[in-house]
Amino acid sequence: MKNTLKVQRAILDLTQEDLAKKIGVSRQTINSIEKNRYVPSTVLALKLAAIFKIPISAFFSLEESD
């Protein structure tokens, strides 16, 4: 799975720490998601979509290997 979280975060000028505080996770969790080391839960993905006011599909997409 690939994601555009880092790009979306930059658009709103949010640091990893800022975003982490807004959704109640650690900065390391945001870093792991951005580096594709961690796939967020549905609840976390919905929180991200709410913060950025865009659909989940704007963040995450499947790759052929998925």
PDB file of N, CA and C in Angstrom:
ATOM      1  N   MET A   1       0.850  -1.163   0.000  1.00  0.00           N
ATOM      2  CA  MET A   1       0.000   0.000   0.000  1.00  0.00           C
ATOM      3  C   MET A   1       0.899   1.230   0.000  1.00  0.00           C
ATOM      4  N   LYS A   2       0.528   2.212  -0.769  1.00  0.00           N
ATOM      5  CA  LYS A   2       1.263   3.473  -0.742  1.00  0.00           C
ATOM      6  C   LYS A   2       0.340   4.570  -0.221  1.00  0.00           C
ATOM      7  N   ASN A   3       0.954   5.668   0.214  1.00  0.00           N
ATOM      8  CA  ASN A   3       0.133   6.738   0.756  1.00  0.00           C
ATOM      9  C   ASN A   3       0.713   8.108   0.423  1.00  0.00           C
ATOM     10  N   THR A   4      -0.125   9.119   0.561  1.00  0.00           N
ATOM     11  CA  THR A   4       0.270  10.501   0.276  1.00  0.00           C
ATOM     12  C   THR A   4       0.206  11.357   1.540  1.00  0.00           C
ATOM     13  N   LEU A   5       0.321  10.722   2.683  1.00  0.00           N
ATOM     14  CA  LEU A   5       0.168  11.450   3.943  1.00  0.00           C
ATOM     15  C   LEU A   5       1.180  12.587   4.077  1.00  0.00           C
ATOM     16  N   LYS A   6       2.425  12.341   3.714  1.00  0.00           N
ATOM     17  CA  LYS A   6       3.445  13.381   3.840  1.00  0.00           C
ATOM     18  C   LYS A   6       3.097  14.593   2.980  1.00  0.00           C
ATOM     19  N   VAL A   7       2.623  14.357   1.783  1.00  0.00           N
ATOM     20  CA  VAL A   7       2.232  15.448   0.880  1.00  0.00           C
ATOM     21  C   VAL A   7       1.044  16.207   1.453  1.00  0.00           C
ATOM     22  N   GLN A   8       0.041  15.479   1.907  1.00  0.00           N
ATOM     23  CA  GLN A   8      -1.147  16.123   2.468  1.00  0.00           C
ATOM     24  C   GLN A   8      -0.796  16.928   3.716  1.00  0.00           C
ATOM     25  N   ARG A   9       0.111  16.397   4.508  1.00  0.00           N
ATOM     26  CA  ARG A   9       0.547  17.085   5.718  1.00  0.00           C
ATOM     27  C   ARG A   9       1.274  18.384   5.362  1.00  0.00           C
ATOM     28  N   ALA A  10       2.097  18.337   4.334  1.00  0.00           N
ATOM     29  CA  ALA A  10       2.835  19.523   3.893  1.00  0.00           C
ATOM     30  C   ALA A  10       1.893  20.606   3.364  1.00  0.00           C
ATOM     31  N   ILE A  11       0.835  20.189   2.698  1.00  0.00           N
ATOM     32  CA  ILE A  11      -0.140  21.155   2.168  1.00  0.00           C
ATOM     33  C   ILE A  11      -0.727  21.993   3.293  1.00  0.00           C
ATOM     34  N   LEU A  12      -0.999  21.344   4.442  1.00  0.00           N
ATOM     35  CA  LEU A  12      -1.556  22.064   5.588  1.00  0.00           C
ATOM     36  C   LEU A  12      -0.473  22.621   6.511  1.00  0.00           C
ATOM     37  N   ASP A  13       0.797  22.450   6.120  1.00  0.00           N
ATOM     38  CA  ASP A  13       1.928  22.944   6.902  1.00  0.00           C
ATOM     39  C   ASP A  13       1.908  22.399   8.334  1.00  0.00           C
ATOM     40  N   LEU A  14       1.674  21.087   8.440  1.00  0.00           N
ATOM     41  CA  LEU A  14       1.670  20.419   9.738  1.00  0.00           C
ATOM     42  C   LEU A  14       2.940  19.594   9.897  1.00  0.00           C
ATOM     43  N   THR A  15       3.537  19.641  11.077  1.00  0.00           N
ATOM     44  CA  THR A  15       4.644  18.735  11.365  1.00  0.00           C
ATOM     45  C   THR A  15       4.076  17.372  11.729  1.00  0.00           C
ATOM     46  N   GLN A  16       4.932  16.371  11.767  1.00  0.00           N
ATOM     47  CA  GLN A  16       4.482  15.057  12.203  1.00  0.00           C
ATOM     48  C   GLN A  16       3.940  15.150  13.628  1.00  0.00           C
ATOM     49  N   GLU A  17       4.602  15.922  14.469  1.00  0.00           N
ATOM     50  CA  GLU A  17       4.174  16.087  15.861  1.00  0.00           C
ATOM     51  C   GLU A  17       2.799  16.748  15.932  1.00  0.00           C
ATOM     52  N   ASP A  18       2.583  17.798  15.129  1.00  0.00           N
ATOM     53  CA  ASP A  18       1.282  18.486  15.108  1.00  0.00           C
ATOM     54  C   ASP A  18       0.161  17.512  14.749  1.00  0.00           C
ATOM     55  N   LEU A  19       0.379  16.759  13.684  1.00  0.00           N
ATOM     56  CA  LEU A  19      -0.639  15.817  13.227  1.00  0.00           C
ATOM     57  C   LEU A  19      -0.873  14.729  14.267  1.00  0.00           C
ATOM     58  N   ALA A  20       0.200  14.237  14.843  1.00  0.00           N
ATOM     59  CA  ALA A  20       0.073  13.187  15.860  1.00  0.00           C
ATOM     60  C   ALA A  20      -0.795  13.650  17.026  1.00  0.00           C
ATOM     61  N   LYS A  21      -0.577  14.857  17.486  1.00  0.00           N
ATOM     62  CA  LYS A  21      -1.372  15.393  18.598  1.00  0.00           C
ATOM     63  C   LYS A  21      -2.837  15.530  18.218  1.00  0.00           C
ATOM     64  N   LYS A  22      -3.108  15.937  16.980  1.00  0.00           N
ATOM     65  CA  LYS A  22      -4.493  16.129  16.543  1.00  0.00           C
ATOM     66  C   LYS A  22      -5.288  14.831  16.519  1.00  0.00           C
ATOM     67  N   ILE A  23      -4.608  13.713  16.229  1.00  0.00           N
ATOM     68  CA  ILE A  23      -5.343  12.453  16.120  1.00  0.00           C
ATOM     69  C   ILE A  23      -5.046  11.479  17.259  1.00  0.00           C
ATOM     70  N   GLY A  24      -4.209  11.900  18.207  1.00  0.00           N
ATOM     71  CA  GLY A  24      -3.992  11.085  19.396  1.00  0.00           C
ATOM     72  C   GLY A  24      -3.063   9.905  19.245  1.00  0.00           C
ATOM     73  N   VAL A  25      -2.014  10.072  18.443  1.00  0.00           N
ATOM     74  CA  VAL A  25      -0.998   9.025  18.299  1.00  0.00           C
ATOM     75  C   VAL A  25       0.379   9.647  18.513  1.00  0.00           C
ATOM     76  N   SER A  26       1.403   8.835  18.451  1.00  0.00           N
ATOM     77  CA  SER A  26       2.765   9.352  18.600  1.00  0.00           C
ATOM     78  C   SER A  26       3.290   9.867  17.256  1.00  0.00           C
ATOM     79  N   ARG A  27       4.307  10.697  17.335  1.00  0.00           N
ATOM     80  CA  ARG A  27       4.958  11.186  16.112  1.00  0.00           C
ATOM     81  C   ARG A  27       5.550  10.004  15.346  1.00  0.00           C
ATOM     82  N   GLN A  28       6.047   9.014  16.088  1.00  0.00           N
ATOM     83  CA  GLN A  28       6.629   7.835  15.447  1.00  0.00           C
ATOM     84  C   GLN A  28       5.600   7.070  14.627  1.00  0.00           C
ATOM     85  N   THR A  29       4.351   7.072  15.070  1.00  0.00           N
ATOM     86  CA  THR A  29       3.287   6.413  14.304  1.00  0.00           C
ATOM     87  C   THR A  29       3.095   7.114  12.964  1.00  0.00           C
ATOM     88  N   ILE A  30       3.065   8.440  12.981  1.00  0.00           N
ATOM     89  CA  ILE A  30       2.922   9.200  11.732  1.00  0.00           C
ATOM     90  C   ILE A  30       4.106   8.909  10.822  1.00  0.00           C
ATOM     91  N   ASN A  31       5.307   8.905  11.385  1.00  0.00           N
ATOM     92  CA  ASN A  31       6.500   8.616  10.599  1.00  0.00           C
ATOM     93  C   ASN A  31       6.417   7.224   9.971  1.00  0.00           C
ATOM     94  N   SER A  32       5.984   6.240  10.751  1.00  0.00           N
ATOM     95  CA  SER A  32       5.874   4.867  10.241  1.00  0.00           C
ATOM     96  C   SER A  32       4.840   4.750   9.131  1.00  0.00           C
ATOM     97  N   ILE A  33       3.732   5.474   9.246  1.00  0.00           N
ATOM     98  CA  ILE A  33       2.725   5.456   8.185  1.00  0.00           C
ATOM     99  C   ILE A  33       3.314   6.062   6.911  1.00  0.00           C
ATOM    100  N   GLU A  34       3.961   7.209   7.051  1.00  0.00           N
ATOM    101  CA  GLU A  34       4.536   7.886   5.882  1.00  0.00           C
ATOM    102  C   GLU A  34       5.579   7.034   5.182  1.00  0.00           C
ATOM    103  N   LYS A  35       6.313   6.231   5.923  1.00  0.00           N
ATOM    104  CA  LYS A  35       7.357   5.382   5.349  1.00  0.00           C
ATOM    105  C   LYS A  35       6.841   3.990   4.970  1.00  0.00           C
ATOM    106  N   ASN A  36       5.520   3.822   5.014  1.00  0.00           N
ATOM    107  CA  ASN A  36       4.876   2.549   4.641  1.00  0.00           C
ATOM    108  C   ASN A  36       5.327   1.374   5.492  1.00  0.00           C
ATOM    109  N   ARG A  37       5.688   1.635   6.749  1.00  0.00           N
ATOM    110  CA  ARG A  37       6.050   0.558   7.670  1.00  0.00           C
ATOM    111  C   ARG A  37       4.870   0.151   8.538  1.00  0.00           C
ATOM    112  N   TYR A  38       3.813   0.959   8.528  1.00  0.00           N
ATOM    113  CA  TYR A  38       2.655   0.709   9.377  1.00  0.00           C
ATOM    114  C   TYR A  38       1.391   1.045   8.600  1.00  0.00           C
ATOM    115  N   VAL A  39       0.459   0.112   8.590  1.00  0.00           N
ATOM    116  CA  VAL A  39      -0.839   0.336   7.954  1.00  0.00           C
ATOM    117  C   VAL A  39      -1.813   0.740   9.054  1.00  0.00           C
ATOM    118  N   PRO A  40      -2.378   1.943   8.956  1.00  0.00           N
ATOM    119  CA  PRO A  40      -3.253   2.416  10.033  1.00  0.00           C
ATOM    120  C   PRO A  40      -4.569   1.643  10.098  1.00  0.00           C
ATOM    121  N   SER A  41      -5.140   1.645  11.281  1.00  0.00           N
ATOM    122  CA  SER A  41      -6.457   1.035  11.467  1.00  0.00           C
ATOM    123  C   SER A  41      -7.500   1.871  10.728  1.00  0.00           C
ATOM    124  N   THR A  42      -8.671   1.319  10.592  1.00  0.00           N
ATOM    125  CA  THR A  42      -9.776   2.047   9.965  1.00  0.00           C
ATOM    126  C   THR A  42     -10.096   3.315  10.742  1.00  0.00           C
ATOM    127  N   VAL A  43     -10.089   3.221  12.059  1.00  0.00           N
ATOM    128  CA  VAL A  43     -10.390   4.387  12.892  1.00  0.00           C
ATOM    129  C   VAL A  43      -9.351   5.485  12.664  1.00  0.00           C
ATOM    130  N   LEU A  44      -8.089   5.111  12.642  1.00  0.00           N
ATOM    131  CA  LEU A  44      -7.033   6.096  12.417  1.00  0.00           C
ATOM    132  C   LEU A  44      -7.132   6.711  11.019  1.00  0.00           C
ATOM    133  N   ALA A  45      -7.424   5.891  10.020  1.00  0.00           N
ATOM    134  CA  ALA A  45      -7.593   6.403   8.655  1.00  0.00           C
ATOM    135  C   ALA A  45      -8.764   7.383   8.584  1.00  0.00           C
ATOM    136  N   LEU A  46      -9.840   7.072   9.281  1.00  0.00           N
ATOM    137  CA  LEU A  46     -10.995   7.984   9.303  1.00  0.00           C
ATOM    138  C   LEU A  46     -10.651   9.296  10.001  1.00  0.00           C
ATOM    139  N   LYS A  47      -9.861   9.234  11.059  1.00  0.00           N
ATOM    140  CA  LYS A  47      -9.427  10.451  11.740  1.00  0.00           C
ATOM    141  C   LYS A  47      -8.583  11.317  10.802  1.00  0.00           C
ATOM    142  N   LEU A  48      -7.693  10.691  10.057  1.00  0.00           N
ATOM    143  CA  LEU A  48      -6.875  11.433   9.098  1.00  0.00           C
ATOM    144  C   LEU A  48      -7.743  12.105   8.040  1.00  0.00           C
ATOM    145  N   ALA A  49      -8.701  11.361   7.520  1.00  0.00           N
ATOM    146  CA  ALA A  49      -9.601  11.917   6.513  1.00  0.00           C
ATOM    147  C   ALA A  49     -10.369  13.108   7.062  1.00  0.00           C
ATOM    148  N   ALA A  50     -10.776  13.038   8.307  1.00  0.00           N
ATOM    149  CA  ALA A  50     -11.514  14.143   8.923  1.00  0.00           C
ATOM    150  C   ALA A  50     -10.632  15.375   9.103  1.00  0.00           C
ATOM    151  N   ILE A  51      -9.389  15.180   9.523  1.00  0.00           N
ATOM    152  CA  ILE A  51      -8.459  16.304   9.701  1.00  0.00           C
ATOM    153  C   ILE A  51      -8.215  17.022   8.381  1.00  0.00           C
ATOM    154  N   PHE A  52      -7.979  16.252   7.334  1.00  0.00           N
ATOM    155  CA  PHE A  52      -7.640  16.834   6.033  1.00  0.00           C
ATOM    156  C   PHE A  52      -8.853  17.138   5.162  1.00  0.00           C
ATOM    157  N   LYS A  53     -10.018  16.673   5.607  1.00  0.00           N
ATOM    158  CA  LYS A  53     -11.272  16.891   4.872  1.00  0.00           C
ATOM    159  C   LYS A  53     -11.198  16.368   3.432  1.00  0.00           C
ATOM    160  N   ILE A  54     -10.631  15.180   3.315  1.00  0.00           N
ATOM    161  CA  ILE A  54     -10.577  14.492   2.026  1.00  0.00           C
ATOM    162  C   ILE A  54     -10.890  13.012   2.260  1.00  0.00           C
ATOM    163  N   PRO A  55     -11.320  12.290   1.228  1.00  0.00           N
ATOM    164  CA  PRO A  55     -11.643  10.864   1.413  1.00  0.00           C
ATOM    165  C   PRO A  55     -10.390  10.033   1.696  1.00  0.00           C
ATOM    166  N   ILE A  56     -10.593   8.939   2.375  1.00  0.00           N
ATOM    167  CA  ILE A  56      -9.488   8.034   2.694  1.00  0.00           C
ATOM    168  C   ILE A  56      -8.742   7.624   1.425  1.00  0.00           C
ATOM    169  N   SER A  57      -9.470   7.437   0.353  1.00  0.00           N
ATOM    170  CA  SER A  57      -8.833   7.013  -0.903  1.00  0.00           C
ATOM    171  C   SER A  57      -7.861   8.050  -1.453  1.00  0.00           C
ATOM    172  N   ALA A  58      -7.928   9.292  -0.976  1.00  0.00           N
ATOM    173  CA  ALA A  58      -6.961  10.306  -1.386  1.00  0.00           C
ATOM    174  C   ALA A  58      -5.613  10.101  -0.679  1.00  0.00           C
ATOM    175  N   PHE A  59      -5.618   9.353   0.424  1.00  0.00           N
ATOM    176  CA  PHE A  59      -4.388   9.059   1.169  1.00  0.00           C
ATOM    177  C   PHE A  59      -3.758   7.747   0.770  1.00  0.00           C
ATOM    178  N   PHE A  60      -4.587   6.722   0.675  1.00  0.00           N
ATOM    179  CA  PHE A  60      -4.076   5.365   0.555  1.00  0.00           C
ATOM    180  C   PHE A  60      -4.545   4.702  -0.728  1.00  0.00           C
ATOM    181  N   SER A  61      -3.633   3.962  -1.345  1.00  0.00           N
ATOM    182  CA  SER A  61      -3.997   3.189  -2.539  1.00  0.00           C
ATOM    183  C   SER A  61      -3.215   1.879  -2.531  1.00  0.00           C
ATOM    184  N   LEU A  62      -3.827   0.876  -3.114  1.00  0.00           N
ATOM    185  CA  LEU A  62      -3.180  -0.431  -3.188  1.00  0.00           C
ATOM    186  C   LEU A  62      -2.171  -0.456  -4.326  1.00  0.00           C
ATOM    187  N   GLU A  63      -1.117  -1.217  -4.119  1.00  0.00           N
ATOM    188  CA  GLU A  63      -0.154  -1.463  -5.188  1.00  0.00           C
ATOM    189  C   GLU A  63      -0.431  -2.851  -5.742  1.00  0.00           C
ATOM    190  N   GLU A  64       0.115  -3.151  -6.888  1.00  0.00           N
ATOM    191  CA  GLU A  64      -0.146  -4.461  -7.482  1.00  0.00           C
ATOM    192  C   GLU A  64       0.309  -5.603  -6.591  1.00  0.00           C
ATOM    193  N   SER A  65       1.319  -5.379  -5.792  1.00  0.00           N
ATOM    194  CA  SER A  65       1.837  -6.440  -4.906  1.00  0.00           C
ATOM    195  C   SER A  65       0.942  -6.678  -3.694  1.00  0.00           C
ATOM    196  N   ASP A  66      -0.035  -5.812  -3.456  1.00  0.00           N
ATOM    197  CA  ASP A  66      -0.921  -5.960  -2.289  1.00  0.00           C
ATOM    198  C   ASP A  66      -1.953  -6.985  -2.553  1.00  0.00           C
TER     199      ASP A  66
END
